[in-house]
Amino acid sequence: MEPTLGEIRKIHELSDTVLYPEAVAFIKQLTLEDSDPIPPSQIMGLLSIANSHTYADLYKFVTHQRDRDWSQKKENIKVFYTNLEKYLTGMRLRRLKEELHLVREGLDARQAKLMAEDIMKLLAQDFIQHLAAENNRLVANTGEGQNHGRRQR
């Protein structure tokens, strides 16, 4: 059940007014806890999955990355995926319908689930694009972008 043009416009507006500031805060919180930005290779892989797969596939990827046995040196990556999974879960379970009012009223359970999947894919894509931009800004500011990308592959 695809979103209408009006719903897509609302998602774009939410992307600028809600998702962007939340993505900036998300990355800043991670870098306060751990001084290193997320390796660009991780961010680009996440962005690639977000842009080319279903929301279910994206969520599966995030939980797989969260559950991997990361070395202590890469613990910040595990923390990133753990926090991302919590953010996406919170958006899907509470915010999607109650706060953001993006799932239409009057749909049966199957239709509501399909619509939620389609909208979550769009919201997650935008949020992850904002995460990528903010993380890339931090990587560029640290001057370690190339080293991070090579070291973490």
N, C-alpha and C. Protein backbone atom coordinates (compact mmCIF):
# COMPACT_ATOMS: atom_id res chain seq x y z
N MET A 1 0.85 -1.18 0.00
CA MET A 1 0.00 0.00 0.00
C MET A 1 0.89 1.23 0.00
N GLU A 2 1.03 1.81 -1.14
CA GLU A 2 1.96 2.93 -1.29
C GLU A 2 1.37 4.23 -0.76
N PRO A 3 2.25 5.08 -0.21
CA PRO A 3 1.78 6.39 0.29
C PRO A 3 1.30 7.27 -0.86
N THR A 4 0.35 8.13 -0.54
CA THR A 4 -0.15 9.11 -1.51
C THR A 4 0.87 10.23 -1.67
N LEU A 5 0.66 11.07 -2.66
CA LEU A 5 1.54 12.21 -2.87
C LEU A 5 1.56 13.12 -1.64
N GLY A 6 0.39 13.32 -1.03
CA GLY A 6 0.32 14.14 0.18
C GLY A 6 1.11 13.53 1.33
N GLU A 7 1.05 12.22 1.46
CA GLU A 7 1.79 11.54 2.52
C GLU A 7 3.30 11.62 2.26
N ILE A 8 3.68 11.53 0.99
CA ILE A 8 5.10 11.65 0.64
C ILE A 8 5.60 13.06 0.95
N ARG A 9 4.78 14.05 0.66
CA ARG A 9 5.16 15.44 1.01
C ARG A 9 5.34 15.59 2.51
N LYS A 10 4.45 14.98 3.27
CA LYS A 10 4.55 15.05 4.74
C LYS A 10 5.84 14.37 5.20
N ILE A 11 6.19 13.25 4.59
CA ILE A 11 7.43 12.56 4.94
C ILE A 11 8.63 13.44 4.64
N HIS A 12 8.64 14.13 3.50
CA HIS A 12 9.74 15.03 3.16
C HIS A 12 9.84 16.17 4.16
N GLU A 13 8.70 16.71 4.56
CA GLU A 13 8.70 17.77 5.56
C GLU A 13 9.24 17.25 6.90
N LEU A 14 8.80 16.07 7.30
CA LEU A 14 9.29 15.46 8.54
C LEU A 14 10.79 15.17 8.44
N SER A 15 11.25 14.83 7.27
CA SER A 15 12.67 14.57 7.08
C SER A 15 13.50 15.80 7.44
N ASP A 16 13.04 16.95 6.98
CA ASP A 16 13.77 18.19 7.26
C ASP A 16 13.59 18.69 8.68
N THR A 17 12.38 18.56 9.22
CA THR A 17 12.09 19.17 10.52
C THR A 17 12.28 18.24 11.71
N VAL A 18 12.18 16.94 11.50
CA VAL A 18 12.28 15.99 12.61
C VAL A 18 13.48 15.05 12.43
N LEU A 19 13.56 14.38 11.30
CA LEU A 19 14.58 13.35 11.11
C LEU A 19 15.99 13.92 11.05
N TYR A 20 16.16 15.05 10.37
CA TYR A 20 17.50 15.63 10.28
C TYR A 20 18.06 16.01 11.64
N PRO A 21 17.32 16.80 12.45
CA PRO A 21 17.87 17.12 13.78
C PRO A 21 18.09 15.87 14.65
N GLU A 22 17.22 14.88 14.52
CA GLU A 22 17.40 13.65 15.29
C GLU A 22 18.63 12.88 14.83
N ALA A 23 18.90 12.88 13.54
CA ALA A 23 20.09 12.19 13.03
C ALA A 23 21.37 12.88 13.51
N VAL A 24 21.36 14.20 13.50
CA VAL A 24 22.52 14.96 14.00
C VAL A 24 22.74 14.63 15.47
N ALA A 25 21.67 14.66 16.26
CA ALA A 25 21.78 14.35 17.69
C ALA A 25 22.23 12.91 17.91
N PHE A 26 21.74 12.00 17.08
CA PHE A 26 22.10 10.58 17.17
C PHE A 26 23.61 10.41 17.00
N ILE A 27 24.16 11.01 15.96
CA ILE A 27 25.60 10.89 15.69
C ILE A 27 26.41 11.62 16.76
N LYS A 28 25.97 12.79 17.17
CA LYS A 28 26.70 13.53 18.21
C LYS A 28 26.74 12.74 19.51
N GLN A 29 25.63 12.11 19.87
CA GLN A 29 25.61 11.31 21.10
C GLN A 29 26.60 10.16 21.01
N LEU A 30 26.66 9.51 19.86
CA LEU A 30 27.61 8.41 19.69
C LEU A 30 29.05 8.89 19.81
N THR A 31 29.34 10.03 19.22
CA THR A 31 30.71 10.52 19.25
C THR A 31 31.08 11.11 20.60
N LEU A 32 30.08 11.48 21.41
CA LEU A 32 30.38 11.89 22.79
C LEU A 32 30.79 10.68 23.61
N GLU A 33 30.13 9.55 23.37
CA GLU A 33 30.43 8.32 24.09
C GLU A 33 31.72 7.68 23.59
N ASP A 34 31.99 7.82 22.31
CA ASP A 34 33.16 7.25 21.67
C ASP A 34 33.65 8.27 20.66
N SER A 35 34.88 8.67 20.74
CA SER A 35 35.35 9.81 19.96
C SER A 35 35.43 9.57 18.45
N ASP A 36 35.38 8.33 18.00
CA ASP A 36 35.52 8.06 16.57
C ASP A 36 34.17 8.07 15.87
N PRO A 37 34.10 8.74 14.71
CA PRO A 37 32.89 8.59 13.87
C PRO A 37 32.80 7.14 13.38
N ILE A 38 31.65 6.78 12.88
CA ILE A 38 31.46 5.44 12.33
C ILE A 38 32.25 5.35 11.02
N PRO A 39 32.92 4.24 10.77
CA PRO A 39 33.70 4.12 9.53
C PRO A 39 32.81 4.34 8.30
N PRO A 40 33.30 5.11 7.34
CA PRO A 40 32.52 5.37 6.12
C PRO A 40 32.05 4.10 5.42
N SER A 41 32.84 3.04 5.48
CA SER A 41 32.43 1.79 4.82
C SER A 41 31.15 1.24 5.44
N GLN A 42 31.00 1.36 6.76
CA GLN A 42 29.78 0.91 7.43
C GLN A 42 28.59 1.77 7.03
N ILE A 43 28.79 3.07 7.03
CA ILE A 43 27.71 4.00 6.68
C ILE A 43 27.27 3.79 5.24
N MET A 44 28.22 3.62 4.33
CA MET A 44 27.86 3.45 2.92
C MET A 44 27.15 2.12 2.70
N GLY A 45 27.56 1.08 3.40
CA GLY A 45 26.86 -0.20 3.29
C GLY A 45 25.43 -0.10 3.79
N LEU A 46 25.26 0.57 4.92
CA LEU A 46 23.92 0.79 5.48
C LEU A 46 23.06 1.60 4.52
N LEU A 47 23.63 2.65 3.97
CA LEU A 47 22.90 3.49 3.02
C LEU A 47 22.51 2.71 1.77
N SER A 48 23.39 1.86 1.31
CA SER A 48 23.10 1.04 0.14
C SER A 48 21.93 0.09 0.41
N ILE A 49 21.93 -0.55 1.55
CA ILE A 49 20.82 -1.45 1.92
C ILE A 49 19.52 -0.66 2.05
N ALA A 50 19.59 0.49 2.70
CA ALA A 50 18.39 1.31 2.91
C ALA A 50 17.77 1.75 1.59
N ASN A 51 18.59 2.02 0.61
CA ASN A 51 18.10 2.55 -0.66
C ASN A 51 17.68 1.48 -1.66
N SER A 52 18.05 0.23 -1.42
CA SER A 52 17.77 -0.77 -2.45
C SER A 52 16.95 -1.97 -1.98
N HIS A 53 16.58 -2.02 -0.74
CA HIS A 53 15.85 -3.17 -0.23
C HIS A 53 14.57 -2.74 0.48
N THR A 54 13.82 -3.70 0.96
CA THR A 54 12.61 -3.40 1.73
C THR A 54 13.00 -2.98 3.14
N TYR A 55 12.03 -2.42 3.86
CA TYR A 55 12.28 -2.06 5.25
C TYR A 55 12.63 -3.31 6.06
N ALA A 56 11.95 -4.41 5.80
CA ALA A 56 12.24 -5.65 6.54
C ALA A 56 13.69 -6.08 6.32
N ASP A 57 14.18 -5.96 5.09
CA ASP A 57 15.57 -6.30 4.80
C ASP A 57 16.53 -5.35 5.52
N LEU A 58 16.20 -4.07 5.52
CA LEU A 58 17.03 -3.09 6.22
C LEU A 58 17.09 -3.42 7.71
N TYR A 59 15.93 -3.69 8.30
CA TYR A 59 15.88 -3.99 9.73
C TYR A 59 16.68 -5.26 10.04
N LYS A 60 16.56 -6.25 9.18
CA LYS A 60 17.32 -7.50 9.35
C LYS A 60 18.83 -7.22 9.29
N PHE A 61 19.25 -6.37 8.37
CA PHE A 61 20.65 -5.99 8.25
C PHE A 61 21.13 -5.30 9.53
N VAL A 62 20.33 -4.36 10.04
CA VAL A 62 20.70 -3.62 11.25
C VAL A 62 20.85 -4.58 12.43
N THR A 63 19.91 -5.49 12.59
CA THR A 63 20.00 -6.43 13.71
C THR A 63 21.16 -7.41 13.53
N HIS A 64 21.43 -7.79 12.29
CA HIS A 64 22.58 -8.67 12.04
C HIS A 64 23.88 -7.95 12.44
N GLN A 65 24.01 -6.70 12.03
CA GLN A 65 25.21 -5.94 12.37
C GLN A 65 25.30 -5.72 13.89
N ARG A 66 24.18 -5.47 14.51
CA ARG A 66 24.14 -5.28 15.96
C ARG A 66 24.61 -6.55 16.68
N ASP A 67 24.21 -7.70 16.18
CA ASP A 67 24.49 -8.96 16.85
C ASP A 67 25.85 -9.57 16.49
N ARG A 68 26.55 -8.97 15.55
CA ARG A 68 27.88 -9.48 15.19
C ARG A 68 28.82 -9.42 16.37
N ASP A 69 29.83 -10.23 16.35
CA ASP A 69 30.84 -10.24 17.40
C ASP A 69 31.95 -9.26 17.02
N TRP A 70 31.73 -7.99 17.30
CA TRP A 70 32.69 -6.95 16.97
C TRP A 70 33.86 -6.99 17.95
N SER A 71 35.04 -6.72 17.45
CA SER A 71 36.20 -6.64 18.34
C SER A 71 36.05 -5.40 19.22
N GLN A 72 36.78 -5.38 20.29
CA GLN A 72 36.69 -4.23 21.21
C GLN A 72 37.06 -2.93 20.49
N LYS A 73 37.97 -3.03 19.56
CA LYS A 73 38.41 -1.86 18.78
C LYS A 73 37.25 -1.29 17.95
N LYS A 74 36.29 -2.15 17.57
CA LYS A 74 35.15 -1.73 16.75
C LYS A 74 33.85 -1.69 17.54
N GLU A 75 33.95 -1.59 18.85
CA GLU A 75 32.76 -1.59 19.70
C GLU A 75 31.82 -0.43 19.36
N ASN A 76 32.37 0.68 18.88
CA ASN A 76 31.51 1.81 18.51
C ASN A 76 30.55 1.45 17.38
N ILE A 77 30.91 0.50 16.54
CA ILE A 77 30.03 0.07 15.45
C ILE A 77 28.85 -0.71 16.04
N LYS A 78 29.14 -1.57 17.00
CA LYS A 78 28.07 -2.32 17.67
C LYS A 78 27.11 -1.36 18.38
N VAL A 79 27.66 -0.36 19.07
CA VAL A 79 26.83 0.63 19.76
C VAL A 79 25.97 1.39 18.75
N PHE A 80 26.55 1.74 17.61
CA PHE A 80 25.81 2.44 16.55
C PHE A 80 24.60 1.61 16.11
N TYR A 81 24.82 0.34 15.78
CA TYR A 81 23.72 -0.49 15.29
C TYR A 81 22.71 -0.81 16.39
N THR A 82 23.17 -0.94 17.62
CA THR A 82 22.25 -1.16 18.74
C THR A 82 21.32 0.05 18.89
N ASN A 83 21.90 1.24 18.87
CA ASN A 83 21.09 2.46 19.00
C ASN A 83 20.20 2.68 17.78
N LEU A 84 20.68 2.34 16.60
CA LEU A 84 19.87 2.49 15.39
C LEU A 84 18.67 1.55 15.43
N GLU A 85 18.89 0.32 15.87
CA GLU A 85 17.77 -0.63 15.98
C GLU A 85 16.73 -0.12 16.97
N LYS A 86 17.16 0.43 18.08
CA LYS A 86 16.23 0.99 19.07
C LYS A 86 15.45 2.17 18.48
N TYR A 87 16.14 3.01 17.74
CA TYR A 87 15.49 4.17 17.12
C TYR A 87 14.42 3.72 16.12
N LEU A 88 14.79 2.80 15.24
CA LEU A 88 13.85 2.32 14.22
C LEU A 88 12.66 1.61 14.86
N THR A 89 12.92 0.81 15.88
CA THR A 89 11.84 0.11 16.58
C THR A 89 10.89 1.10 17.23
N GLY A 90 11.44 2.10 17.89
CA GLY A 90 10.60 3.13 18.52
C GLY A 90 9.76 3.88 17.51
N MET A 91 10.36 4.18 16.37
CA MET A 91 9.60 4.88 15.33
C MET A 91 8.46 4.01 14.82
N ARG A 92 8.75 2.76 14.59
CA ARG A 92 7.73 1.86 14.04
C ARG A 92 6.60 1.59 15.04
N LEU A 93 6.96 1.33 16.28
CA LEU A 93 5.96 0.94 17.26
C LEU A 93 5.13 2.09 17.80
N ARG A 94 5.74 3.24 17.98
CA ARG A 94 5.02 4.34 18.61
C ARG A 94 4.82 5.54 17.69
N ARG A 95 5.87 6.03 17.15
CA ARG A 95 5.82 7.32 16.48
C ARG A 95 5.10 7.30 15.14
N LEU A 96 5.23 6.23 14.40
CA LEU A 96 4.68 6.16 13.05
C LEU A 96 3.20 6.51 13.02
N LYS A 97 2.44 5.93 13.90
CA LYS A 97 0.99 6.14 13.89
C LYS A 97 0.57 7.23 14.89
N GLU A 98 1.10 7.18 16.09
CA GLU A 98 0.63 8.06 17.16
C GLU A 98 1.15 9.49 17.06
N GLU A 99 2.45 9.63 16.85
CA GLU A 99 3.05 10.97 16.84
C GLU A 99 3.09 11.59 15.44
N LEU A 100 3.54 10.81 14.48
CA LEU A 100 3.71 11.34 13.13
C LEU A 100 2.43 11.24 12.30
N HIS A 101 1.50 10.43 12.73
CA HIS A 101 0.19 10.26 12.07
C HIS A 101 0.34 9.94 10.58
N LEU A 102 1.16 8.94 10.28
CA LEU A 102 1.41 8.59 8.89
C LEU A 102 0.68 7.35 8.40
N VAL A 103 0.12 6.57 9.29
CA VAL A 103 -0.65 5.40 8.86
C VAL A 103 -2.12 5.79 8.86
N ARG A 104 -2.73 5.66 7.70
CA ARG A 104 -4.13 6.06 7.54
C ARG A 104 -5.05 5.31 8.49
N GLU A 105 -6.07 6.00 8.92
CA GLU A 105 -7.12 5.39 9.74
C GLU A 105 -8.02 4.55 8.85
N GLY A 106 -8.68 3.56 9.43
CA GLY A 106 -9.67 2.78 8.71
C GLY A 106 -9.14 1.64 7.88
N LEU A 107 -7.84 1.37 7.96
CA LEU A 107 -7.26 0.26 7.21
C LEU A 107 -7.40 -1.02 8.02
N ASP A 108 -7.55 -2.15 7.32
CA ASP A 108 -7.52 -3.42 8.07
C ASP A 108 -6.07 -3.69 8.47
N ALA A 109 -5.87 -4.70 9.30
CA ALA A 109 -4.54 -4.97 9.86
C ALA A 109 -3.49 -5.22 8.78
N ARG A 110 -3.85 -5.97 7.76
CA ARG A 110 -2.90 -6.27 6.67
C ARG A 110 -2.52 -5.00 5.91
N GLN A 111 -3.51 -4.19 5.58
CA GLN A 111 -3.25 -2.94 4.86
C GLN A 111 -2.40 -2.00 5.71
N ALA A 112 -2.72 -1.90 6.99
CA ALA A 112 -1.96 -1.02 7.89
C ALA A 112 -0.50 -1.48 7.98
N LYS A 113 -0.29 -2.79 8.03
CA LYS A 113 1.08 -3.31 8.10
C LYS A 113 1.85 -2.99 6.82
N LEU A 114 1.22 -3.20 5.67
CA LEU A 114 1.86 -2.90 4.39
C LEU A 114 2.19 -1.41 4.27
N MET A 115 1.25 -0.58 4.68
CA MET A 115 1.49 0.86 4.62
C MET A 115 2.62 1.26 5.57
N ALA A 116 2.62 0.69 6.77
CA ALA A 116 3.68 0.99 7.73
C ALA A 116 5.04 0.59 7.18
N GLU A 117 5.12 -0.55 6.51
CA GLU A 117 6.38 -1.01 5.91
C GLU A 117 6.87 0.00 4.85
N ASP A 118 5.96 0.42 3.97
CA ASP A 118 6.33 1.37 2.92
C ASP A 118 6.78 2.70 3.50
N ILE A 119 6.07 3.18 4.49
CA ILE A 119 6.41 4.48 5.10
C ILE A 119 7.71 4.36 5.90
N MET A 120 7.88 3.26 6.63
CA MET A 120 9.11 3.07 7.38
C MET A 120 10.32 3.02 6.46
N LYS A 121 10.15 2.43 5.29
CA LYS A 121 11.27 2.39 4.33
C LYS A 121 11.67 3.81 3.95
N LEU A 122 10.69 4.66 3.66
CA LEU A 122 10.98 6.04 3.29
C LEU A 122 11.59 6.83 4.44
N LEU A 123 11.02 6.68 5.63
CA LEU A 123 11.54 7.38 6.80
C LEU A 123 12.96 6.91 7.13
N ALA A 124 13.17 5.60 7.08
CA ALA A 124 14.50 5.06 7.39
C ALA A 124 15.52 5.53 6.36
N GLN A 125 15.14 5.54 5.08
CA GLN A 125 16.06 6.03 4.05
C GLN A 125 16.48 7.46 4.35
N ASP A 126 15.51 8.32 4.65
CA ASP A 126 15.84 9.71 4.93
C ASP A 126 16.70 9.84 6.18
N PHE A 127 16.33 9.14 7.24
CA PHE A 127 17.09 9.21 8.48
C PHE A 127 18.53 8.75 8.25
N ILE A 128 18.70 7.65 7.53
CA ILE A 128 20.04 7.12 7.29
C ILE A 128 20.83 8.05 6.37
N GLN A 129 20.18 8.69 5.41
CA GLN A 129 20.89 9.68 4.59
C GLN A 129 21.40 10.83 5.45
N HIS A 130 20.58 11.27 6.40
CA HIS A 130 21.01 12.32 7.32
C HIS A 130 22.15 11.84 8.21
N LEU A 131 22.05 10.59 8.70
CA LEU A 131 23.14 10.02 9.50
C LEU A 131 24.44 10.00 8.70
N ALA A 132 24.33 9.57 7.45
CA ALA A 132 25.52 9.49 6.59
C ALA A 132 26.14 10.86 6.40
N ALA A 133 25.32 11.86 6.14
CA ALA A 133 25.84 13.21 5.92
C ALA A 133 26.54 13.74 7.17
N GLU A 134 25.92 13.57 8.31
CA GLU A 134 26.51 14.06 9.56
C GLU A 134 27.77 13.29 9.90
N ASN A 135 27.74 11.98 9.75
CA ASN A 135 28.93 11.18 10.02
C ASN A 135 30.07 11.56 9.06
N ASN A 136 29.74 11.74 7.79
CA ASN A 136 30.77 12.13 6.81
C ASN A 136 31.37 13.49 7.14
N ARG A 137 30.54 14.39 7.65
CA ARG A 137 31.05 15.70 8.07
C ARG A 137 32.05 15.52 9.21
N LEU A 138 31.72 14.67 10.16
CA LEU A 138 32.63 14.43 11.28
C LEU A 138 33.92 13.76 10.82
N VAL A 139 33.79 12.79 9.92
CA VAL A 139 34.97 12.11 9.39
C VAL A 139 35.87 13.13 8.68
N ALA A 140 35.29 13.99 7.87
CA ALA A 140 36.07 15.01 7.16
C ALA A 140 36.74 15.97 8.13
N ASN A 141 36.04 16.32 9.21
CA ASN A 141 36.59 17.24 10.19
C ASN A 141 37.74 16.61 10.99
N THR A 142 37.72 15.31 11.16
CA THR A 142 38.80 14.65 11.89
C THR A 142 40.01 14.41 11.00
N GLY A 143 39.80 14.50 9.68
CA GLY A 143 40.91 14.26 8.76
C GLY A 143 41.32 12.81 8.68
N GLU A 144 40.46 11.93 9.18
CA GLU A 144 40.80 10.52 9.22
C GLU A 144 39.92 9.68 8.31
N GLY A 145 39.20 10.30 7.43
CA GLY A 145 38.26 9.58 6.59
C GLY A 145 38.86 8.41 5.85
N GLN A 146 40.01 8.62 5.21
CA GLN A 146 40.61 7.54 4.45
C GLN A 146 41.13 6.45 5.37
N ASN A 147 41.72 6.82 6.49
CA ASN A 147 42.23 5.81 7.41
C ASN A 147 41.12 4.96 7.99
N HIS A 148 39.99 5.60 8.35
CA HIS A 148 38.88 4.84 8.90
C HIS A 148 38.35 3.85 7.88
N GLY A 149 38.16 4.31 6.65
CA GLY A 149 37.61 3.44 5.63
C GLY A 149 38.48 2.23 5.37
N ARG A 150 39.79 2.43 5.35
CA ARG A 150 40.70 1.32 5.08
C ARG A 150 40.82 0.40 6.29
N ARG A 151 40.89 0.98 7.46
CA ARG A 151 41.12 0.18 8.66
C ARG A 151 39.95 -0.73 8.97
N GLN A 152 38.73 -0.32 8.68
CA GLN A 152 37.56 -1.06 9.11
C GLN A 152 37.06 -2.08 8.09
N ARG A 153 37.58 -2.12 6.92
CA ARG A 153 37.08 -3.04 5.90
C ARG A 153 37.42 -4.45 6.16
